[in-house]
Amino acid sequence: MNIIEGNIGLSGAERVAIIASRFNHIITDRLVEGAKDCFLRHNGDEKKLDLILVPGAYELPFVLDRLLDSGKYQGICTLGAIIRGGTPHFDYVSAEATKGIANTTLKYTTPVSFGVLTTDSIEQAIERAGSKAGNKGFEAMSALIELINLYKQLA
């Protein structure tokens, strides 16, 4: 059996974007740091890493669509933090951000990773942004690097 899978390493030539929501920036700033750290640790060239900031998680799919349509990037990492509050707003934003990113990704042939936290509390978000549960930004970039390499093999 032939096994086809991506590896976790970059050639240094890949142009990658991080799209991050500014809302809950105390969390998303840590996610961005983790994603950048992963990119650099795996031979990424910092000059080929772009950070695009959007107001909130709801806006991620719209900007993702523009970036994918540009053909400028070999991969895009989406990052955000949606924290449950006392109203149904959490449910609407998390559902639309998730569906929007997924649906947009399916329209293109460029790898996209999903690093949007959906948590019940600020404590859970903090745990996933670099404390007890690791840094989900790092993990999202790691998944993206693997996908970039896998897509190369499937071309």
N, C-alpha and C. Protein backbone atom coordinates (compact mmCIF):
# COMPACT_ATOMS: atom_id res chain seq x y z
N MET A 1 0.84 -1.17 0.00
CA MET A 1 0.00 0.00 0.00
C MET A 1 0.89 1.24 0.00
N ASN A 2 0.59 2.18 -0.87
CA ASN A 2 1.27 3.47 -0.88
C ASN A 2 0.57 4.41 0.08
N ILE A 3 1.35 5.03 0.92
CA ILE A 3 0.79 6.00 1.86
C ILE A 3 1.25 7.37 1.42
N ILE A 4 0.30 8.27 1.25
CA ILE A 4 0.61 9.63 0.86
C ILE A 4 0.21 10.53 2.02
N GLU A 5 1.18 11.26 2.53
CA GLU A 5 0.90 12.20 3.62
C GLU A 5 1.89 13.34 3.56
N GLY A 6 1.50 14.46 4.14
CA GLY A 6 2.37 15.62 4.16
C GLY A 6 3.36 15.53 5.31
N ASN A 7 4.44 16.26 5.18
CA ASN A 7 5.39 16.35 6.29
C ASN A 7 5.33 17.76 6.87
N ILE A 8 5.99 17.93 7.99
CA ILE A 8 5.96 19.21 8.68
C ILE A 8 7.28 19.93 8.44
N GLY A 9 7.41 20.50 7.26
CA GLY A 9 8.60 21.25 6.93
C GLY A 9 8.34 22.09 5.70
N LEU A 10 8.90 23.27 5.66
CA LEU A 10 8.74 24.17 4.54
C LEU A 10 10.06 24.31 3.80
N SER A 11 10.00 24.67 2.55
CA SER A 11 11.22 24.89 1.77
C SER A 11 11.76 26.30 1.98
N GLY A 12 10.93 27.17 2.52
CA GLY A 12 11.31 28.58 2.68
C GLY A 12 10.77 29.44 1.56
N ALA A 13 10.23 28.81 0.52
CA ALA A 13 9.70 29.55 -0.62
C ALA A 13 8.19 29.80 -0.52
N GLU A 14 7.52 29.13 0.41
CA GLU A 14 6.06 29.23 0.51
C GLU A 14 5.62 30.57 1.09
N ARG A 15 4.65 31.19 0.43
CA ARG A 15 4.03 32.41 0.95
C ARG A 15 2.76 31.97 1.67
N VAL A 16 2.65 32.36 2.93
CA VAL A 16 1.54 31.95 3.78
C VAL A 16 0.92 33.17 4.43
N ALA A 17 -0.38 33.12 4.63
CA ALA A 17 -1.10 34.20 5.32
C ALA A 17 -1.74 33.64 6.58
N ILE A 18 -1.78 34.49 7.58
CA ILE A 18 -2.57 34.25 8.79
C ILE A 18 -3.66 35.29 8.77
N ILE A 19 -4.91 34.86 8.85
CA ILE A 19 -6.02 35.79 9.03
C ILE A 19 -6.48 35.62 10.47
N ALA A 20 -6.46 36.70 11.23
CA ALA A 20 -6.84 36.62 12.64
C ALA A 20 -7.86 37.70 12.98
N SER A 21 -8.79 37.33 13.82
CA SER A 21 -9.77 38.32 14.29
C SER A 21 -9.18 39.12 15.45
N ARG A 22 -9.48 40.41 15.46
CA ARG A 22 -9.00 41.27 16.54
C ARG A 22 -9.87 41.14 17.80
N PHE A 23 -11.13 40.75 17.62
CA PHE A 23 -12.01 40.59 18.77
C PHE A 23 -11.42 39.51 19.69
N ASN A 24 -11.45 39.75 20.98
CA ASN A 24 -10.80 38.87 21.97
C ASN A 24 -9.30 38.82 21.71
N HIS A 25 -8.71 39.97 21.40
CA HIS A 25 -7.30 40.03 21.00
C HIS A 25 -6.35 39.52 22.07
N ILE A 26 -6.76 39.52 23.32
CA ILE A 26 -5.90 38.97 24.37
C ILE A 26 -5.63 37.49 24.08
N ILE A 27 -6.59 36.82 23.49
CA ILE A 27 -6.44 35.41 23.12
C ILE A 27 -5.83 35.30 21.72
N THR A 28 -6.39 36.02 20.76
CA THR A 28 -5.94 35.85 19.38
C THR A 28 -4.49 36.29 19.18
N ASP A 29 -4.03 37.25 19.94
CA ASP A 29 -2.61 37.65 19.85
C ASP A 29 -1.71 36.47 20.18
N ARG A 30 -2.08 35.68 21.20
CA ARG A 30 -1.29 34.49 21.56
C ARG A 30 -1.37 33.42 20.47
N LEU A 31 -2.55 33.28 19.85
CA LEU A 31 -2.69 32.31 18.77
C LEU A 31 -1.79 32.69 17.59
N VAL A 32 -1.75 33.97 17.27
CA VAL A 32 -0.90 34.46 16.19
C VAL A 32 0.57 34.20 16.51
N GLU A 33 0.96 34.47 17.75
CA GLU A 33 2.35 34.20 18.16
C GLU A 33 2.70 32.73 17.98
N GLY A 34 1.77 31.84 18.36
CA GLY A 34 2.00 30.41 18.21
C GLY A 34 2.12 30.00 16.75
N ALA A 35 1.24 30.55 15.90
CA ALA A 35 1.28 30.23 14.47
C ALA A 35 2.58 30.72 13.84
N LYS A 36 2.99 31.92 14.19
CA LYS A 36 4.24 32.47 13.65
C LYS A 36 5.42 31.63 14.11
N ASP A 37 5.44 31.26 15.37
CA ASP A 37 6.51 30.42 15.92
C ASP A 37 6.61 29.10 15.15
N CYS A 38 5.49 28.47 14.91
CA CYS A 38 5.47 27.20 14.17
C CYS A 38 6.01 27.40 12.75
N PHE A 39 5.56 28.45 12.08
CA PHE A 39 6.00 28.74 10.72
C PHE A 39 7.52 28.90 10.67
N LEU A 40 8.07 29.67 11.59
CA LEU A 40 9.51 29.91 11.60
C LEU A 40 10.30 28.67 12.00
N ARG A 41 9.79 27.90 12.95
CA ARG A 41 10.47 26.67 13.39
C ARG A 41 10.55 25.61 12.30
N HIS A 42 9.66 25.71 11.33
CA HIS A 42 9.63 24.71 10.26
C HIS A 42 10.15 25.28 8.94
N ASN A 43 11.12 26.19 9.06
CA ASN A 43 11.87 26.72 7.92
C ASN A 43 11.11 27.74 7.09
N GLY A 44 10.05 28.34 7.63
CA GLY A 44 9.35 29.39 6.91
C GLY A 44 10.18 30.68 6.89
N ASP A 45 10.03 31.45 5.84
CA ASP A 45 10.71 32.74 5.70
C ASP A 45 9.76 33.83 6.20
N GLU A 46 10.17 34.53 7.26
CA GLU A 46 9.31 35.55 7.86
C GLU A 46 8.84 36.60 6.86
N LYS A 47 9.65 36.88 5.85
CA LYS A 47 9.27 37.86 4.82
C LYS A 47 8.12 37.34 3.95
N LYS A 48 7.86 36.04 4.03
CA LYS A 48 6.80 35.44 3.22
C LYS A 48 5.59 35.06 4.07
N LEU A 49 5.51 35.66 5.25
CA LEU A 49 4.37 35.42 6.15
C LEU A 49 3.64 36.74 6.33
N ASP A 50 2.37 36.77 5.95
CA ASP A 50 1.54 37.96 6.07
C ASP A 50 0.49 37.74 7.15
N LEU A 51 0.25 38.78 7.94
CA LEU A 51 -0.81 38.77 8.95
C LEU A 51 -1.87 39.75 8.52
N ILE A 52 -3.09 39.26 8.35
CA ILE A 52 -4.23 40.09 8.00
C ILE A 52 -5.19 40.07 9.18
N LEU A 53 -5.49 41.24 9.71
CA LEU A 53 -6.39 41.34 10.86
C LEU A 53 -7.78 41.77 10.41
N VAL A 54 -8.78 41.09 10.94
CA VAL A 54 -10.18 41.42 10.65
C VAL A 54 -10.86 41.75 11.97
N PRO A 55 -12.00 42.47 11.93
CA PRO A 55 -12.65 42.88 13.18
C PRO A 55 -13.03 41.72 14.10
N GLY A 56 -13.65 40.68 13.54
CA GLY A 56 -14.09 39.55 14.36
C GLY A 56 -14.13 38.27 13.57
N ALA A 57 -14.51 37.19 14.22
CA ALA A 57 -14.53 35.88 13.58
C ALA A 57 -15.55 35.81 12.43
N TYR A 58 -16.62 36.55 12.54
CA TYR A 58 -17.64 36.54 11.49
C TYR A 58 -17.07 37.01 10.15
N GLU A 59 -16.09 37.89 10.19
CA GLU A 59 -15.50 38.45 8.98
C GLU A 59 -14.42 37.57 8.35
N LEU A 60 -13.98 36.54 9.04
CA LEU A 60 -12.92 35.67 8.52
C LEU A 60 -13.23 35.09 7.14
N PRO A 61 -14.42 34.53 6.90
CA PRO A 61 -14.68 33.93 5.59
C PRO A 61 -14.63 34.92 4.42
N PHE A 62 -15.03 36.17 4.66
CA PHE A 62 -15.06 37.15 3.58
C PHE A 62 -13.64 37.49 3.13
N VAL A 63 -12.76 37.67 4.09
CA VAL A 63 -11.37 37.98 3.76
C VAL A 63 -10.67 36.74 3.23
N LEU A 64 -10.98 35.59 3.78
CA LEU A 64 -10.43 34.34 3.27
C LEU A 64 -10.74 34.18 1.78
N ASP A 65 -11.97 34.46 1.39
CA ASP A 65 -12.36 34.35 -0.01
C ASP A 65 -11.52 35.27 -0.89
N ARG A 66 -11.30 36.50 -0.46
CA ARG A 66 -10.49 37.45 -1.24
C ARG A 66 -9.06 36.95 -1.39
N LEU A 67 -8.49 36.45 -0.30
CA LEU A 67 -7.10 35.99 -0.34
C LEU A 67 -6.95 34.74 -1.20
N LEU A 68 -7.87 33.81 -1.08
CA LEU A 68 -7.81 32.61 -1.90
C LEU A 68 -7.98 32.95 -3.37
N ASP A 69 -8.87 33.88 -3.67
CA ASP A 69 -9.11 34.30 -5.04
C ASP A 69 -7.88 34.97 -5.65
N SER A 70 -7.06 35.60 -4.81
CA SER A 70 -5.87 36.29 -5.31
C SER A 70 -4.81 35.33 -5.84
N GLY A 71 -4.80 34.09 -5.35
CA GLY A 71 -3.80 33.11 -5.76
C GLY A 71 -2.40 33.42 -5.26
N LYS A 72 -2.28 34.34 -4.34
CA LYS A 72 -0.99 34.83 -3.85
C LYS A 72 -0.33 33.89 -2.84
N TYR A 73 -1.12 33.05 -2.19
CA TYR A 73 -0.63 32.26 -1.06
C TYR A 73 -0.67 30.76 -1.34
N GLN A 74 0.31 30.06 -0.77
CA GLN A 74 0.31 28.60 -0.85
C GLN A 74 -0.52 27.98 0.28
N GLY A 75 -0.87 28.78 1.28
CA GLY A 75 -1.69 28.31 2.38
C GLY A 75 -2.15 29.47 3.24
N ILE A 76 -3.29 29.27 3.92
CA ILE A 76 -3.85 30.31 4.78
C ILE A 76 -4.31 29.67 6.09
N CYS A 77 -3.90 30.29 7.19
CA CYS A 77 -4.25 29.85 8.54
C CYS A 77 -5.27 30.84 9.12
N THR A 78 -6.44 30.35 9.49
CA THR A 78 -7.47 31.23 10.08
C THR A 78 -7.45 31.07 11.60
N LEU A 79 -7.45 32.20 12.29
CA LEU A 79 -7.40 32.20 13.76
C LEU A 79 -8.44 33.15 14.34
N GLY A 80 -9.05 32.74 15.43
CA GLY A 80 -10.01 33.58 16.11
C GLY A 80 -10.38 32.97 17.45
N ALA A 81 -11.15 33.73 18.22
CA ALA A 81 -11.61 33.25 19.53
C ALA A 81 -13.04 33.73 19.74
N ILE A 82 -13.95 32.78 19.83
CA ILE A 82 -15.35 33.09 20.09
C ILE A 82 -15.67 32.49 21.45
N ILE A 83 -16.00 33.37 22.39
CA ILE A 83 -16.22 32.93 23.78
C ILE A 83 -17.69 33.12 24.13
N ARG A 84 -18.28 32.07 24.64
CA ARG A 84 -19.72 32.09 24.97
C ARG A 84 -20.02 33.18 26.00
N GLY A 85 -21.09 33.88 25.73
CA GLY A 85 -21.58 34.89 26.67
C GLY A 85 -22.97 34.50 27.14
N GLY A 86 -23.72 35.48 27.58
CA GLY A 86 -25.05 35.23 28.12
C GLY A 86 -26.17 35.28 27.10
N THR A 87 -25.83 35.48 25.82
CA THR A 87 -26.86 35.57 24.77
C THR A 87 -26.57 34.53 23.69
N PRO A 88 -27.50 34.33 22.77
CA PRO A 88 -27.27 33.36 21.69
C PRO A 88 -26.27 33.84 20.63
N HIS A 89 -25.74 35.03 20.77
CA HIS A 89 -24.79 35.58 19.80
C HIS A 89 -23.64 34.61 19.51
N PHE A 90 -23.13 33.96 20.54
CA PHE A 90 -22.04 32.97 20.38
C PHE A 90 -22.40 31.92 19.35
N ASP A 91 -23.63 31.38 19.45
CA ASP A 91 -24.06 30.31 18.56
C ASP A 91 -24.09 30.77 17.10
N TYR A 92 -24.58 31.98 16.88
CA TYR A 92 -24.67 32.49 15.52
C TYR A 92 -23.29 32.77 14.93
N VAL A 93 -22.45 33.43 15.69
CA VAL A 93 -21.12 33.79 15.19
C VAL A 93 -20.27 32.53 14.96
N SER A 94 -20.27 31.62 15.91
CA SER A 94 -19.43 30.43 15.75
C SER A 94 -19.92 29.58 14.58
N ALA A 95 -21.23 29.43 14.42
CA ALA A 95 -21.76 28.64 13.31
C ALA A 95 -21.43 29.28 11.97
N GLU A 96 -21.63 30.58 11.86
CA GLU A 96 -21.40 31.24 10.57
C GLU A 96 -19.92 31.32 10.23
N ALA A 97 -19.07 31.55 11.21
CA ALA A 97 -17.63 31.59 10.95
C ALA A 97 -17.15 30.22 10.48
N THR A 98 -17.59 29.17 11.17
CA THR A 98 -17.18 27.81 10.82
C THR A 98 -17.69 27.41 9.44
N LYS A 99 -18.98 27.60 9.20
CA LYS A 99 -19.54 27.26 7.89
C LYS A 99 -18.93 28.11 6.79
N GLY A 100 -18.74 29.38 7.07
CA GLY A 100 -18.19 30.28 6.06
C GLY A 100 -16.78 29.90 5.66
N ILE A 101 -15.95 29.56 6.63
CA ILE A 101 -14.58 29.14 6.33
C ILE A 101 -14.59 27.82 5.55
N ALA A 102 -15.40 26.88 6.00
CA ALA A 102 -15.47 25.57 5.32
C ALA A 102 -15.97 25.72 3.89
N ASN A 103 -17.04 26.46 3.70
CA ASN A 103 -17.60 26.62 2.36
C ASN A 103 -16.65 27.37 1.42
N THR A 104 -15.98 28.37 1.94
CA THR A 104 -15.03 29.13 1.13
C THR A 104 -13.86 28.24 0.73
N THR A 105 -13.36 27.47 1.67
CA THR A 105 -12.23 26.58 1.40
C THR A 105 -12.54 25.61 0.28
N LEU A 106 -13.76 25.11 0.23
CA LEU A 106 -14.14 24.12 -0.78
C LEU A 106 -14.16 24.69 -2.19
N LYS A 107 -14.21 26.00 -2.33
CA LYS A 107 -14.26 26.63 -3.66
C LYS A 107 -12.88 26.73 -4.32
N TYR A 108 -11.81 26.51 -3.55
CA TYR A 108 -10.46 26.75 -4.05
C TYR A 108 -9.59 25.51 -3.85
N THR A 109 -8.39 25.54 -4.41
CA THR A 109 -7.47 24.41 -4.28
C THR A 109 -6.26 24.76 -3.42
N THR A 110 -6.40 25.76 -2.59
CA THR A 110 -5.33 26.18 -1.69
C THR A 110 -5.64 25.68 -0.28
N PRO A 111 -4.66 25.12 0.41
CA PRO A 111 -4.90 24.63 1.77
C PRO A 111 -5.27 25.76 2.74
N VAL A 112 -6.20 25.46 3.63
CA VAL A 112 -6.63 26.38 4.68
C VAL A 112 -6.72 25.58 5.97
N SER A 113 -6.22 26.15 7.06
CA SER A 113 -6.38 25.49 8.36
C SER A 113 -7.32 26.31 9.23
N PHE A 114 -7.95 25.62 10.16
CA PHE A 114 -8.97 26.21 11.02
C PHE A 114 -8.46 26.28 12.45
N GLY A 115 -8.18 27.48 12.92
CA GLY A 115 -7.70 27.68 14.28
C GLY A 115 -8.59 28.64 15.05
N VAL A 116 -9.89 28.51 14.86
CA VAL A 116 -10.84 29.38 15.56
C VAL A 116 -11.33 28.66 16.81
N LEU A 117 -11.03 29.24 17.95
CA LEU A 117 -11.48 28.66 19.22
C LEU A 117 -12.96 28.97 19.43
N THR A 118 -13.70 28.02 19.93
CA THR A 118 -15.08 28.23 20.37
C THR A 118 -15.15 27.66 21.79
N THR A 119 -15.14 28.54 22.76
CA THR A 119 -15.04 28.10 24.15
C THR A 119 -16.21 28.61 24.99
N ASP A 120 -16.43 27.92 26.09
CA ASP A 120 -17.50 28.32 27.00
C ASP A 120 -17.07 29.41 27.97
N SER A 121 -15.75 29.62 28.11
CA SER A 121 -15.28 30.62 29.08
C SER A 121 -13.94 31.19 28.66
N ILE A 122 -13.60 32.31 29.23
CA ILE A 122 -12.31 32.93 28.97
C ILE A 122 -11.19 32.01 29.47
N GLU A 123 -11.43 31.29 30.54
CA GLU A 123 -10.43 30.37 31.08
C GLU A 123 -10.09 29.27 30.07
N GLN A 124 -11.13 28.72 29.43
CA GLN A 124 -10.89 27.70 28.41
C GLN A 124 -10.10 28.28 27.24
N ALA A 125 -10.41 29.51 26.86
CA ALA A 125 -9.69 30.15 25.75
C ALA A 125 -8.22 30.35 26.12
N ILE A 126 -7.97 30.80 27.33
CA ILE A 126 -6.59 31.01 27.79
C ILE A 126 -5.82 29.69 27.76
N GLU A 127 -6.47 28.61 28.22
CA GLU A 127 -5.82 27.29 28.21
C GLU A 127 -5.42 26.86 26.80
N ARG A 128 -6.21 27.24 25.80
CA ARG A 128 -5.94 26.82 24.42
C ARG A 128 -5.05 27.79 23.65
N ALA A 129 -4.73 28.90 24.28
CA ALA A 129 -3.90 29.92 23.63
C ALA A 129 -2.49 29.95 24.21
N GLY A 130 -2.07 28.84 24.80
CA GLY A 130 -0.68 28.77 25.23
C GLY A 130 -0.44 28.33 26.65
N SER A 131 -1.49 27.96 27.39
CA SER A 131 -1.20 27.46 28.73
C SER A 131 -1.42 25.94 28.76
N LYS A 132 -2.31 25.43 29.55
CA LYS A 132 -2.46 23.99 29.78
C LYS A 132 -2.69 23.15 28.53
N ALA A 133 -3.50 23.63 27.62
CA ALA A 133 -3.89 22.82 26.46
C ALA A 133 -3.03 23.12 25.23
N GLY A 134 -1.88 23.72 25.42
CA GLY A 134 -1.02 24.05 24.29
C GLY A 134 -1.49 25.30 23.58
N ASN A 135 -0.93 25.56 22.41
CA ASN A 135 -1.31 26.74 21.64
C ASN A 135 -1.96 26.27 20.34
N LYS A 136 -3.25 26.51 20.22
CA LYS A 136 -3.99 26.06 19.04
C LYS A 136 -3.59 26.82 17.79
N GLY A 137 -2.99 28.00 17.93
CA GLY A 137 -2.44 28.70 16.77
C GLY A 137 -1.25 27.95 16.20
N PHE A 138 -0.39 27.46 17.09
CA PHE A 138 0.75 26.62 16.66
C PHE A 138 0.23 25.38 15.94
N GLU A 139 -0.78 24.74 16.52
CA GLU A 139 -1.33 23.52 15.94
C GLU A 139 -1.98 23.77 14.59
N ALA A 140 -2.67 24.91 14.45
CA ALA A 140 -3.31 25.24 13.17
C ALA A 140 -2.27 25.47 12.09
N MET A 141 -1.16 26.13 12.43
CA MET A 141 -0.10 26.34 11.45
C MET A 141 0.59 25.01 11.11
N SER A 142 0.77 24.16 12.09
CA SER A 142 1.36 22.85 11.84
C SER A 142 0.50 22.05 10.86
N ALA A 143 -0.81 22.08 11.07
CA ALA A 143 -1.72 21.39 10.15
C ALA A 143 -1.64 22.00 8.75
N LEU A 144 -1.52 23.32 8.68
CA LEU A 144 -1.42 23.99 7.39
C LEU A 144 -0.15 23.57 6.64
N ILE A 145 0.96 23.53 7.34
CA ILE A 145 2.23 23.13 6.71
C ILE A 145 2.12 21.71 6.17
N GLU A 146 1.52 20.83 6.95
CA GLU A 146 1.33 19.45 6.49
C GLU A 146 0.44 19.41 5.25
N LEU A 147 -0.64 20.22 5.25
CA LEU A 147 -1.53 20.26 4.09
C LEU A 147 -0.83 20.81 2.85
N ILE A 148 -0.01 21.85 3.03
CA ILE A 148 0.72 22.41 1.89
C ILE A 148 1.55 21.32 1.24
N ASN A 149 2.25 20.54 2.03
CA ASN A 149 3.08 19.46 1.50
C ASN A 149 2.25 18.33 0.90
N LEU A 150 1.13 18.03 1.51
CA LEU A 150 0.26 16.98 0.97
C LEU A 150 -0.31 17.42 -0.39
N TYR A 151 -0.77 18.66 -0.47
CA TYR A 151 -1.32 19.18 -1.74
C TYR A 151 -0.29 19.10 -2.86
N LYS A 152 0.98 19.35 -2.54
CA LYS A 152 2.04 19.27 -3.55
C LYS A 152 2.11 17.85 -4.11
N GLN A 153 1.95 16.87 -3.26
CA GLN A 153 2.03 15.48 -3.71
C GLN A 153 0.80 15.05 -4.51
N LEU A 154 -0.32 15.69 -4.24
CA LEU A 154 -1.57 15.31 -4.91
C LEU A 154 -1.77 16.05 -6.23
N ALA A 155 -0.91 17.03 -6.52
CA ALA A 155 -1.08 17.83 -7.75
C ALA A 155 -0.80 17.01 -8.99
